[in-house]
C-alpha atoms as a PDB file:
ATOM      1  CA  MET A   1       0.000   0.000   0.000  1.00  0.00           C
ATOM      2  CA  ALA A   2       1.165   3.549  -0.736  1.00  0.00           C
ATOM      3  CA  THR A   3       2.675   5.906   1.835  1.00  0.00           C
ATOM      4  CA  ILE A   4       0.704   9.082   2.582  1.00  0.00           C
ATOM      5  CA  GLY A   5       2.483  12.180   3.848  1.00  0.00           C
ATOM      6  CA  ILE A   6       0.620  14.700   6.016  1.00  0.00           C
ATOM      7  CA  PRO A   7       2.239  18.157   6.370  1.00  0.00           C
ATOM      8  CA  LYS A   8       2.296  19.489   9.927  1.00  0.00           C
ATOM      9  CA  GLY A   9       0.870  22.891   9.108  1.00  0.00           C
ATOM     10  CA  MET A  10      -2.338  24.893   8.535  1.00  0.00           C
ATOM     11  CA  TYR A  11      -5.404  22.873   9.638  1.00  0.00           C
ATOM     12  CA  TYR A  12      -3.245  19.983  10.814  1.00  0.00           C
ATOM     13  CA  TYR A  13      -3.696  21.309  14.347  1.00  0.00           C
ATOM     14  CA  GLU A  14      -7.479  21.041  14.120  1.00  0.00           C
ATOM     15  CA  TYR A  15      -8.269  18.018  11.996  1.00  0.00           C
ATOM     16  CA  SER A  16      -5.183  15.807  11.712  1.00  0.00           C
ATOM     17  CA  ALA A  17      -6.750  13.162  13.957  1.00  0.00           C
ATOM     18  CA  ILE A  18      -9.437  12.542  11.313  1.00  0.00           C
ATOM     19  CA  TRP A  19      -7.043  12.111   8.421  1.00  0.00           C
ATOM     20  CA  GLU A  20      -4.385  10.055  10.181  1.00  0.00           C
ATOM     21  CA  ASP A  21      -7.064   7.653  11.389  1.00  0.00           C
ATOM     22  CA  PHE A  22      -8.788   7.617   7.976  1.00  0.00           C
ATOM     23  CA  PHE A  23      -5.721   6.573   6.008  1.00  0.00           C
ATOM     24  CA  GLU A  24      -4.615   4.079   8.646  1.00  0.00           C
ATOM     25  CA  ARG A  25      -8.047   2.428   8.502  1.00  0.00           C
ATOM     26  CA  LEU A  26      -7.501   1.976   4.774  1.00  0.00           C
ATOM     27  CA  GLY A  27      -4.129   0.335   5.330  1.00  0.00           C
ATOM     28  CA  PHE A  28      -1.852   3.192   4.246  1.00  0.00           C
ATOM     29  CA  GLU A  29       1.393   4.008   5.980  1.00  0.00           C
ATOM     30  CA  VAL A  30       1.095   7.567   7.261  1.00  0.00           C
ATOM     31  CA  VAL A  31       4.130   9.833   7.555  1.00  0.00           C
ATOM     32  CA  ILE A  32       3.823  13.115   9.464  1.00  0.00           C
ATOM     33  CA  SER A  33       6.339  15.852   8.745  1.00  0.00           C
ATOM     34  CA  GLN A  34       8.656  16.979  11.524  1.00  0.00           C
ATOM     35  CA  ASP A  35       7.949  19.945  13.760  1.00  0.00           C
ATOM     36  CA  THR A  36       8.513  23.338  12.190  1.00  0.00           C
ATOM     37  CA  ASN A  37      12.121  24.512  12.351  1.00  0.00           C
ATOM     38  CA  LYS A  38      14.339  27.001  10.531  1.00  0.00           C
ATOM     39  CA  LYS A  39      15.024  24.677   7.590  1.00  0.00           C
ATOM     40  CA  VAL A  40      11.318  23.979   7.117  1.00  0.00           C
ATOM     41  CA  MET A  41      10.601  27.716   7.127  1.00  0.00           C
ATOM     42  CA  ASP A  42      13.497  28.554   4.784  1.00  0.00           C
ATOM     43  CA  ASP A  43      12.487  25.828   2.324  1.00  0.00           C
ATOM     44  CA  GLY A  44       8.918  27.084   2.344  1.00  0.00           C
ATOM     45  CA  ILE A  45       9.997  30.657   1.688  1.00  0.00           C
ATOM     46  CA  LYS A  46      11.923  29.491  -1.386  1.00  0.00           C
ATOM     47  CA  HIS A  47       8.750  28.066  -2.931  1.00  0.00           C
ATOM     48  CA  CYS A  48       6.422  31.019  -2.255  1.00  0.00           C
ATOM     49  CA  SER A  49       6.121  34.637  -3.314  1.00  0.00           C
ATOM     50  CA  ASN A  50       6.880  37.405  -0.818  1.00  0.00           C
ATOM     51  CA  GLU A  51       3.172  38.238  -0.495  1.00  0.00           C
ATOM     52  CA  THR A  52       2.302  34.774   0.788  1.00  0.00           C
ATOM     53  CA  CYS A  53       1.456  34.699   4.498  1.00  0.00           C
ATOM     54  CA  LEU A  54       3.883  33.018   6.887  1.00  0.00           C
ATOM     55  CA  PRO A  55       1.739  29.932   7.737  1.00  0.00           C
ATOM     56  CA  VAL A  56       1.358  29.062   4.033  1.00  0.00           C
ATOM     57  CA  LYS A  57       5.102  29.486   3.492  1.00  0.00           C
ATOM     58  CA  VAL A  58       5.758  27.134   6.398  1.00  0.00           C
ATOM     59  CA  PHE A  59       3.218  24.664   5.014  1.00  0.00           C
ATOM     60  CA  HIS A  60       5.184  24.527   1.756  1.00  0.00           C
ATOM     61  CA  GLY A  61       8.311  23.803   3.787  1.00  0.00           C
ATOM     62  CA  HIS A  62       6.573  20.817   5.371  1.00  0.00           C
ATOM     63  CA  VAL A  63       5.526  19.567   1.938  1.00  0.00           C
ATOM     64  CA  ALA A  64       9.120  19.910   0.710  1.00  0.00           C
ATOM     65  CA  SER A  65      10.343  17.870   3.684  1.00  0.00           C
ATOM     66  CA  LEU A  66       7.927  15.056   2.776  1.00  0.00           C
ATOM     67  CA  LYS A  67       8.496  15.074  -0.971  1.00  0.00           C
ATOM     68  CA  ASP A  68      11.000  12.217  -1.029  1.00  0.00           C
ATOM     69  CA  LYS A  69       9.578  10.300   1.949  1.00  0.00           C
ATOM     70  CA  CYS A  70       6.153   9.297   0.653  1.00  0.00           C
ATOM     71  CA  ASP A  71       4.223   8.389  -2.467  1.00  0.00           C
ATOM     72  CA  TYR A  72       1.442  10.969  -2.048  1.00  0.00           C
ATOM     73  CA  ILE A  73       0.937  14.075   0.028  1.00  0.00           C
ATOM     74  CA  PHE A  74      -2.487  14.679   1.512  1.00  0.00           C
ATOM     75  CA  ILE A  75      -3.771  18.262   1.371  1.00  0.00           C
ATOM     76  CA  PRO A  76      -7.475  18.634   2.201  1.00  0.00           C
ATOM     77  CA  ARG A  77      -9.400  21.378   0.429  1.00  0.00           C
ATOM     78  CA  TYR A  78     -11.406  23.197   3.082  1.00  0.00           C
ATOM     79  CA  HIS A  79     -14.091  25.502   1.695  1.00  0.00           C
ATOM     80  CA  SER A  80     -16.465  25.537   4.639  1.00  0.00           C
ATOM     81  CA  THR A  81     -16.500  23.817   8.018  1.00  0.00           C
ATOM     82  CA  GLY A  82     -20.089  24.671   8.951  1.00  0.00           C
ATOM     83  CA  LYS A  83     -23.280  26.428   7.891  1.00  0.00           C
ATOM     84  CA  ASN A  84     -22.563  30.072   7.038  1.00  0.00           C
ATOM     85  CA  GLU A  85     -18.886  29.529   7.840  1.00  0.00           C
ATOM     86  CA  TYR A  86     -16.104  29.892   5.292  1.00  0.00           C
ATOM     87  CA  THR A  87     -12.363  29.417   5.309  1.00  0.00           C
ATOM     88  CA  CYS A  88      -9.692  31.775   4.091  1.00  0.00           C
ATOM     89  CA  PRO A  89      -9.094  31.596   0.292  1.00  0.00           C
ATOM     90  CA  LYS A  90      -5.603  30.224   0.965  1.00  0.00           C
ATOM     91  CA  LEU A  91      -7.231  27.086   2.402  1.00  0.00           C
ATOM     92  CA  CYS A  92      -9.752  26.795  -0.432  1.00  0.00           C
ATOM     93  CA  GLY A  93      -6.941  26.709  -2.978  1.00  0.00           C
ATOM     94  CA  LEU A  94      -4.149  25.152  -0.942  1.00  0.00           C
ATOM     95  CA  PRO A  95      -3.808  21.923  -3.006  1.00  0.00           C
ATOM     96  CA  ASP A  96      -3.576  23.899  -6.283  1.00  0.00           C
ATOM     97  CA  MET A  97      -1.248  26.545  -4.849  1.00  0.00           C
ATOM     98  CA  THR A  98       1.057  23.893  -3.421  1.00  0.00           C
ATOM     99  CA  SER A  99       1.151  21.878  -6.633  1.00  0.00           C
ATOM    100  CA  ILE A 100       2.065  24.933  -8.718  1.00  0.00           C
ATOM    101  CA  ASN A 101       4.627  26.304  -6.253  1.00  0.00           C
ATOM    102  CA  MET A 102       6.295  22.909  -5.953  1.00  0.00           C
ATOM    103  CA  GLY A 103       6.645  22.691  -9.726  1.00  0.00           C
ATOM    104  CA  ARG A 104       4.084  19.875  -9.863  1.00  0.00           C
ATOM    105  CA  GLN A 105       6.745  17.558  -8.436  1.00  0.00           C
ATOM    106  CA  VAL A 106       4.495  16.070  -5.760  1.00  0.00           C
ATOM    107  CA  LYS A 107       1.477  13.808  -6.103  1.00  0.00           C
ATOM    108  CA  ILE A 108      -1.367  15.312  -4.116  1.00  0.00           C
ATOM    109  CA  VAL A 109      -4.398  13.549  -2.689  1.00  0.00           C
ATOM    110  CA  GLU A 110      -7.249  15.735  -1.481  1.00  0.00           C
ATOM    111  CA  VAL A 111     -10.648  15.540   0.158  1.00  0.00           C
ATOM    112  CA  LYS A 112     -13.028  18.455  -0.336  1.00  0.00           C
ATOM    113  CA  ILE A 113     -14.884  19.782   2.686  1.00  0.00           C
ATOM    114  CA  ASN A 114     -17.743  22.199   1.991  1.00  0.00           C
ATOM    115  CA  LEU A 115     -20.322  21.846   4.751  1.00  0.00           C
ATOM    116  CA  ASP A 116     -22.182  25.052   3.953  1.00  0.00           C
ATOM    117  CA  SER A 117     -23.612  24.199   0.537  1.00  0.00           C
ATOM    118  CA  LYS A 118     -21.864  21.380  -1.325  1.00  0.00           C
ATOM    119  CA  THR A 119     -21.525  18.406   0.998  1.00  0.00           C
ATOM    120  CA  TYR A 120     -21.653  16.086  -2.014  1.00  0.00           C
ATOM    121  CA  GLU A 121     -18.144  17.246  -2.959  1.00  0.00           C
ATOM    122  CA  THR A 122     -16.768  15.216  -0.064  1.00  0.00           C
ATOM    123  CA  THR A 123     -18.253  11.942  -1.321  1.00  0.00           C
ATOM    124  CA  GLU A 124     -17.085  12.749  -4.843  1.00  0.00           C
ATOM    125  CA  SER A 125     -13.514  13.193  -3.639  1.00  0.00           C
ATOM    126  CA  LEU A 126     -13.756   9.976  -1.618  1.00  0.00           C
ATOM    127  CA  ARG A 127     -14.822   8.174  -4.793  1.00  0.00           C
ATOM    128  CA  LEU A 128     -11.743   9.553  -6.533  1.00  0.00           C
ATOM    129  CA  ILE A 129      -9.515   8.253  -3.724  1.00  0.00           C
ATOM    130  CA  ALA A 130     -11.132   4.823  -4.066  1.00  0.00           C
ATOM    131  CA  LYS A 131     -10.521   4.871  -7.823  1.00  0.00           C
ATOM    132  CA  THR A 132      -6.934   6.130  -7.508  1.00  0.00           C
ATOM    133  CA  PHE A 133      -5.887   3.398  -5.101  1.00  0.00           C
ATOM    134  CA  GLY A 134      -8.131   0.591  -6.299  1.00  0.00           C
ATOM    135  CA  ILE A 135     -10.131   0.405  -3.071  1.00  0.00           C
ATOM    136  CA  LYS A 136     -13.848  -0.274  -2.888  1.00  0.00           C
ATOM    137  CA  TYR A 137     -15.764   2.971  -2.408  1.00  0.00           C
ATOM    138  CA  VAL A 138     -17.856   1.469   0.388  1.00  0.00           C
ATOM    139  CA  LYS A 139     -14.687   0.744   2.358  1.00  0.00           C
ATOM    140  CA  VAL A 140     -13.415   4.296   1.846  1.00  0.00           C
ATOM    141  CA  LEU A 141     -16.755   5.773   2.904  1.00  0.00           C
ATOM    142  CA  GLU A 142     -16.949   3.580   5.998  1.00  0.00           C
ATOM    143  CA  ALA A 143     -13.406   4.552   6.978  1.00  0.00           C
ATOM    144  CA  PHE A 144     -14.238   8.252   6.607  1.00  0.00           C
ATOM    145  CA  LYS A 145     -17.429   7.989   8.654  1.00  0.00           C
ATOM    146  CA  GLY A 146     -15.636   6.004  11.347  1.00  0.00           C
ATOM    147  CA  SER A 147     -12.816   8.554  11.591  1.00  0.00           C
ATOM    148  CA  CYS A 148     -15.253  11.477  11.749  1.00  0.00           C
ATOM    149  CA  THR A 149     -17.278   9.771  14.485  1.00  0.00           C
ATOM    150  CA  LYS A 150     -14.142   9.100  16.513  1.00  0.00           C
ATOM    151  CA  TYR A 151     -13.086  12.734  16.125  1.00  0.00           C
ATOM    152  CA  GLU A 152     -16.501  14.091  17.161  1.00  0.00           C
ATOM    153  CA  GLN A 153     -16.558  11.891  20.239  1.00  0.00           C
ATOM    154  CA  ALA A 154     -13.126  13.170  21.248  1.00  0.00           C
ATOM    155  CA  LYS A 155     -14.268  16.772  20.734  1.00  0.00           C
ATOM    156  CA  LEU A 156     -17.359  16.227  22.875  1.00  0.00           C
ATOM    157  CA  LYS A 157     -15.196  14.814  25.644  1.00  0.00           C
ATOM    158  CA  GLU A 158     -12.828  17.775  25.343  1.00  0.00           C
ATOM    159  CA  ASN A 159     -15.684  20.310  25.388  1.00  0.00           C
ATOM    160  CA  GLY A 160     -17.161  18.548  28.395  1.00  0.00           C
ATOM    161  CA  ARG A 161     -14.176  19.524  30.488  1.00  0.00           C
ATOM    162  CA  GLY A 162     -14.826  23.218  29.811  1.00  0.00           C
ATOM    163  CA  LYS A 163     -12.704  26.226  30.641  1.00  0.00           C
ATOM    164  CA  ASP A 164     -13.907  26.398  34.255  1.00  0.00           C
ATOM    165  CA  GLN A 165     -12.252  23.077  35.006  1.00  0.00           C
ATOM    166  CA  LYS A 166      -8.922  24.336  33.645  1.00  0.00           C
ATOM    167  CA  PHE A 167      -8.420  27.136  36.158  1.00  0.00           C
ATOM    168  CA  VAL A 168      -5.717  25.995  38.564  1.00  0.00           C
ATOM    169  CA  ALA A 169      -5.788  27.252  42.131  1.00  0.00           C
ATOM    170  CA  GLY A 170      -2.554  28.931  43.159  1.00  0.00           C
ATOM    171  CA  ARG A 171      -1.549  30.089  39.687  1.00  0.00           C
ATOM    172  CA  GLU A 172      -0.384  33.708  39.571  1.00  0.00           C
ATOM    173  CA  THR A 173      -2.780  34.771  36.850  1.00  0.00           C
ATOM    174  CA  ALA A 174      -4.696  33.621  33.787  1.00  0.00           C
ATOM    175  CA  ILE A 175      -4.718  34.972  30.236  1.00  0.00           C
ATOM    176  CA  SER A 176      -6.498  34.106  27.002  1.00  0.00           C
ATOM    177  CA  LEU A 177      -4.328  33.340  23.992  1.00  0.00           C
ATOM    178  CA  LEU A 178      -6.099  34.036  20.689  1.00  0.00           C
ATOM    179  CA  GLY A 179      -5.053  33.336  17.115  1.00  0.00           C
ATOM    180  CA  HIS A 180      -5.208  30.779  14.336  1.00  0.00           C
ATOM    181  CA  PRO A 181      -4.532  27.242  15.599  1.00  0.00           C
ATOM    182  CA  TYR A 182      -1.532  26.923  13.289  1.00  0.00           C
ATOM    183  CA  MET A 183      -0.010  29.947  15.029  1.00  0.00           C
ATOM    184  CA  ILE A 184      -0.947  29.119  18.623  1.00  0.00           C
ATOM    185  CA  TYR A 185       0.138  25.470  18.590  1.00  0.00           C
ATOM    186  CA  ASP A 186       3.242  25.625  16.389  1.00  0.00           C
ATOM    187  CA  SER A 187       5.987  26.235  18.944  1.00  0.00           C
ATOM    188  CA  TYR A 188       8.397  27.531  16.282  1.00  0.00           C
ATOM    189  CA  LEU A 189       5.993  30.076  14.817  1.00  0.00           C
ATOM    190  CA  ASN A 190       4.869  31.251  18.250  1.00  0.00           C
ATOM    191  CA  MET A 191       8.482  31.421  19.469  1.00  0.00           C
ATOM    192  CA  GLY A 192       7.779  29.100  22.366  1.00  0.00           C
ATOM    193  CA  LEU A 193       5.080  31.427  23.690  1.00  0.00           C
ATOM    194  CA  ILE A 194       3.074  28.782  25.529  1.00  0.00           C
ATOM    195  CA  GLU A 195       6.174  27.387  27.212  1.00  0.00           C
ATOM    196  CA  LYS A 196       7.255  30.883  28.243  1.00  0.00           C
ATOM    197  CA  LEU A 197       3.871  31.586  29.808  1.00  0.00           C
ATOM    198  CA  LYS A 198       3.839  28.287  31.671  1.00  0.00           C
ATOM    199  CA  LYS A 199       7.258  29.046  33.125  1.00  0.00           C
ATOM    200  CA  ARG A 200       5.726  32.215  34.548  1.00  0.00           C
ATOM    201  CA  ASN A 201       3.084  30.087  36.312  1.00  0.00           C
ATOM    202  CA  ILE A 202       0.307  31.486  34.101  1.00  0.00           C
ATOM    203  CA  ASP A 203      -2.897  29.677  33.160  1.00  0.00           C
ATOM    204  CA  ILE A 204      -3.478  29.773  29.386  1.00  0.00           C
ATOM    205  CA  PHE A 205      -6.918  29.655  27.794  1.00  0.00           C
ATOM    206  CA  THR A 206      -7.468  29.346  24.041  1.00  0.00           C
ATOM    207  CA  PRO A 207     -10.557  29.062  21.813  1.00  0.00           C
ATOM    208  CA  ARG A 208     -10.413  25.282  22.331  1.00  0.00           C
ATOM    209  CA  ASP A 209     -11.452  25.765  25.935  1.00  0.00           C
ATOM    210  CA  ILE A 210     -14.876  27.165  25.003  1.00  0.00           C
ATOM    211  CA  ASP A 211     -17.627  25.048  23.459  1.00  0.00           C
ATOM    212  CA  HIS A 212     -18.695  25.604  19.851  1.00  0.00           C
ATOM    213  CA  GLU A 213     -22.174  26.945  20.642  1.00  0.00           C
ATOM    214  CA  THR A 214     -20.903  29.537  23.117  1.00  0.00           C
ATOM    215  CA  LYS A 215     -18.377  30.906  20.656  1.00  0.00           C
ATOM    216  CA  ARG A 216     -20.992  31.238  17.906  1.00  0.00           C
ATOM    217  CA  ARG A 217     -23.496  32.835  20.279  1.00  0.00           C
ATOM    218  CA  ASN A 218     -20.962  35.449  21.406  1.00  0.00           C
ATOM    219  CA  SER A 219     -19.471  36.208  17.972  1.00  0.00           C
ATOM    220  CA  HIS A 220     -20.833  39.769  17.765  1.00  0.00           C
ATOM    221  CA  PRO A 221     -21.798  41.192  15.289  1.00  0.00           C
ATOM    222  CA  TYR A 222     -21.890  38.049  13.115  1.00  0.00           C
ATOM    223  CA  GLN A 223     -24.108  35.656  15.056  1.00  0.00           C
ATOM    224  CA  GLU A 224     -25.925  33.429  12.513  1.00  0.00           C
ATOM    225  CA  LYS A 225     -24.533  35.480   9.619  1.00  0.00           C
ATOM    226  CA  PRO A 226     -22.052  34.347   6.943  1.00  0.00           C
ATOM    227  CA  PHE A 227     -18.485  34.845   8.182  1.00  0.00           C
ATOM    228  CA  TRP A 228     -15.096  33.151   8.359  1.00  0.00           C
ATOM    229  CA  ASP A 229     -14.939  30.135  10.654  1.00  0.00           C
ATOM    230  CA  ILE A 230     -11.827  31.466  12.379  1.00  0.00           C
ATOM    231  CA  GLY A 231     -13.675  34.759  12.803  1.00  0.00           C
ATOM    232  CA  PHE A 232     -16.444  33.025  14.733  1.00  0.00           C
ATOM    233  CA  GLU A 233     -13.837  31.250  16.843  1.00  0.00           C
ATOM    234  CA  LEU A 234     -11.868  34.373  17.720  1.00  0.00           C
ATOM    235  CA  LEU A 235     -14.702  36.864  18.163  1.00  0.00           C
ATOM    236  CA  GLY A 236     -16.706  34.408  20.255  1.00  0.00           C
ATOM    237  CA  SER A 237     -13.685  33.512  22.372  1.00  0.00           C
ATOM    238  CA  ALA A 238     -12.566  37.113  22.933  1.00  0.00           C
ATOM    239  CA  PHE A 239     -15.990  38.295  24.058  1.00  0.00           C
ATOM    240  CA  THR A 240     -16.510  35.227  26.251  1.00  0.00           C
ATOM    241  CA  TYR A 241     -13.181  35.734  27.994  1.00  0.00           C
ATOM    242  CA  ALA A 242     -13.713  39.505  28.289  1.00  0.00           C
ATOM    243  CA  LYS A 243     -16.670  38.808  30.584  1.00  0.00           C
ATOM    244  CA  ASP A 244     -14.655  36.470  32.827  1.00  0.00           C
ATOM    245  CA  GLU A 245     -13.016  38.451  35.641  1.00  0.00           C
ATOM    246  CA  ARG A 246     -10.514  35.648  36.201  1.00  0.00           C
ATOM    247  CA  ILE A 247      -8.895  36.412  32.838  1.00  0.00           C
ATOM    248  CA  LYS A 248      -6.410  39.239  33.464  1.00  0.00           C
ATOM    249  CA  GLY A 249      -5.253  39.870  29.916  1.00  0.00           C
ATOM    250  CA  MET A 250      -5.435  38.769  26.272  1.00  0.00           C
ATOM    251  CA  ILE A 251      -2.707  38.007  23.763  1.00  0.00           C
ATOM    252  CA  TYR A 252      -3.568  37.945  20.070  1.00  0.00           C
ATOM    253  CA  LEU A 253      -0.932  36.161  17.978  1.00  0.00           C
ATOM    254  CA  THR A 254      -1.133  36.934  14.266  1.00  0.00           C
ATOM    255  CA  PRO A 255       0.999  36.360  11.161  1.00  0.00           C
ATOM    256  CA  PHE A 256       1.999  39.519   9.310  1.00  0.00           C
ATOM    257  CA  ALA A 257      -0.353  40.612   6.498  1.00  0.00           C
ATOM    258  CA  CYS A 258      -3.243  38.325   7.492  1.00  0.00           C
ATOM    259  CA  GLY A 259      -6.320  39.943   5.968  1.00  0.00           C
ATOM    260  CA  LEU A 260      -8.746  38.070   8.209  1.00  0.00           C
ATOM    261  CA  ASP A 261      -6.989  39.137  11.383  1.00  0.00           C
ATOM    262  CA  ALA A 262      -7.005  42.763  10.279  1.00  0.00           C
ATOM    263  CA  PHE A 263     -10.815  42.730  10.390  1.00  0.00           C
ATOM    264  CA  ILE A 264     -11.176  40.519  13.447  1.00  0.00           C
ATOM    265  CA  MET A 265      -8.732  42.504  15.582  1.00  0.00           C
ATOM    266  CA  GLU A 266     -10.648  45.720  14.869  1.00  0.00           C
ATOM    267  CA  PHE A 267     -13.927  44.168  16.017  1.00  0.00           C
ATOM    268  CA  ILE A 268     -12.326  42.790  19.170  1.00  0.00           C
ATOM    269  CA  GLU A 269     -10.471  45.971  20.151  1.00  0.00           C
ATOM    270  CA  ASN A 270     -13.387  48.315  19.488  1.00  0.00           C
ATOM    271  CA  ARG A 271     -16.004  46.241  21.277  1.00  0.00           C
ATOM    272  CA  ILE A 272     -13.874  45.444  24.305  1.00  0.00           C
ATOM    273  CA  LYS A 273     -13.012  49.129  24.764  1.00  0.00           C
ATOM    274  CA  SER A 274     -16.622  50.279  24.403  1.00  0.00           C
ATOM    275  CA  GLN A 275     -18.606  47.519  26.117  1.00  0.00           C
ATOM    276  CA  TYR A 276     -16.356  45.503  28.413  1.00  0.00           C
ATOM    277  CA  ARG A 277     -13.961  46.023  31.294  1.00  0.00           C
ATOM    278  CA  ASP A 278     -10.572  47.555  30.641  1.00  0.00           C
ATOM    279  CA  ILE A 279      -8.740  44.293  29.942  1.00  0.00           C
ATOM    280  CA  PRO A 280      -5.163  44.583  28.618  1.00  0.00           C
ATOM    281  CA  LEU A 281      -4.757  43.285  25.051  1.00  0.00           C
ATOM    282  CA  LEU A 282      -1.384  42.550  23.453  1.00  0.00           C
ATOM    283  CA  LYS A 283      -1.129  42.000  19.707  1.00  0.00           C
ATOM    284  CA  LEU A 284       1.975  40.054  18.677  1.00  0.00           C
ATOM    285  CA  THR A 285       2.667  40.018  14.938  1.00  0.00           C
ATOM    286  CA  VAL A 286       5.100  37.449  13.566  1.00  0.00           C
ATOM    287  CA  ASP A 287       6.779  36.945  10.201  1.00  0.00           C
ATOM    288  CA  GLU A 288       9.971  35.259   9.028  1.00  0.00           C
ATOM    289  CA  HIS A 289      12.016  38.336  10.031  1.00  0.00           C
ATOM    290  CA  THR A 290      10.696  38.682  13.576  1.00  0.00           C
ATOM    291  CA  GLY A 291      13.433  38.585  16.199  1.00  0.00           C
ATOM    292  CA  GLU A 292      12.829  36.659  19.400  1.00  0.00           C
ATOM    293  CA  ALA A 293      14.481  39.333  21.556  1.00  0.00           C
ATOM    294  CA  GLY A 294      11.957  41.992  20.542  1.00  0.00           C
ATOM    295  CA  PHE A 295       9.133  39.476  20.854  1.00  0.00           C
ATOM    296  CA  ASP A 296      10.191  38.603  24.407  1.00  0.00           C
ATOM    297  CA  THR A 297      10.586  42.244  25.401  1.00  0.00           C
ATOM    298  CA  ARG A 298       6.998  43.055  24.458  1.00  0.00           C
ATOM    299  CA  LEU A 299       5.728  39.919  26.164  1.00  0.00           C
ATOM    300  CA  GLU A 300       7.605  40.665  29.402  1.00  0.00           C
ATOM    301  CA  ALA A 301       6.302  44.238  29.483  1.00  0.00           C
ATOM    302  CA  PHE A 302       2.744  42.966  29.042  1.00  0.00           C
ATOM    303  CA  LEU A 303       3.081  40.326  31.756  1.00  0.00           C
ATOM    304  CA  ASP A 304       4.581  42.868  34.164  1.00  0.00           C
ATOM    305  CA  MET A 305       1.594  45.137  33.525  1.00  0.00           C
ATOM    306  CA  ILE A 306      -1.037  42.481  34.289  1.00  0.00           C
ATOM    307  CA  GLY A 307       0.948  40.842  37.074  1.00  0.00           C
END
């Protein structure tokens, strides 16, 4: 059976459990790229234009690291992850962008996810996978359903714990850390931010610590309106945490030139200032030229202010 490579970037931090389990159920050997490091970033930069955002550059570096280690590279095509929710265009076109930027030197396997209006595209792409690898479609479909069910059950268990259960008595303070998952949970892109906060005995709360319904309900002014999925996550999380007196400050981690964040940050800053308590908010912008010394200086100043 063929070897499938999964790049450790972009939506890997949200949905990798589905795809690793899916391909393993079908008998494929799954290879995950290494953690992000300088070589991965530098290789990604070589394959992308200057205007490309940092997470996409890094994603290309992960693809480059897998190119000679597997037969196919899996890049899902996310259009929409829920009703009235849409992804950034870079995710909609990520398989095509990657193929072109890599000089069409990699074989790409994709599954289309469009839960807002074209759910049939998922089954069509699963049929193509079955045809490509000579597997019965029924087996592919059953594997996909089984992996999705397993993922949903894990999410329900995670949501059941809730943010209230994460507060640790005796910790100096608690902050909310906001941003795209591929920024928050990639320790190279976030310059070890989570580890640095933990060393300061600080509780860290992210959008993952709030249930889906609460985030959508609090995503002013876009409740039940068409918007970006990450927008719902970040607006809903910010306004939920702003009402919690135990949260002493917010950090928003963003890649340079992210168009989505430019809008979302404005909504968060303006509404918190006008309708909520005076909670300190630090915006940390990162690109491939960001120096860790300057990053740490701003972080230390912020922590001293809320401490």
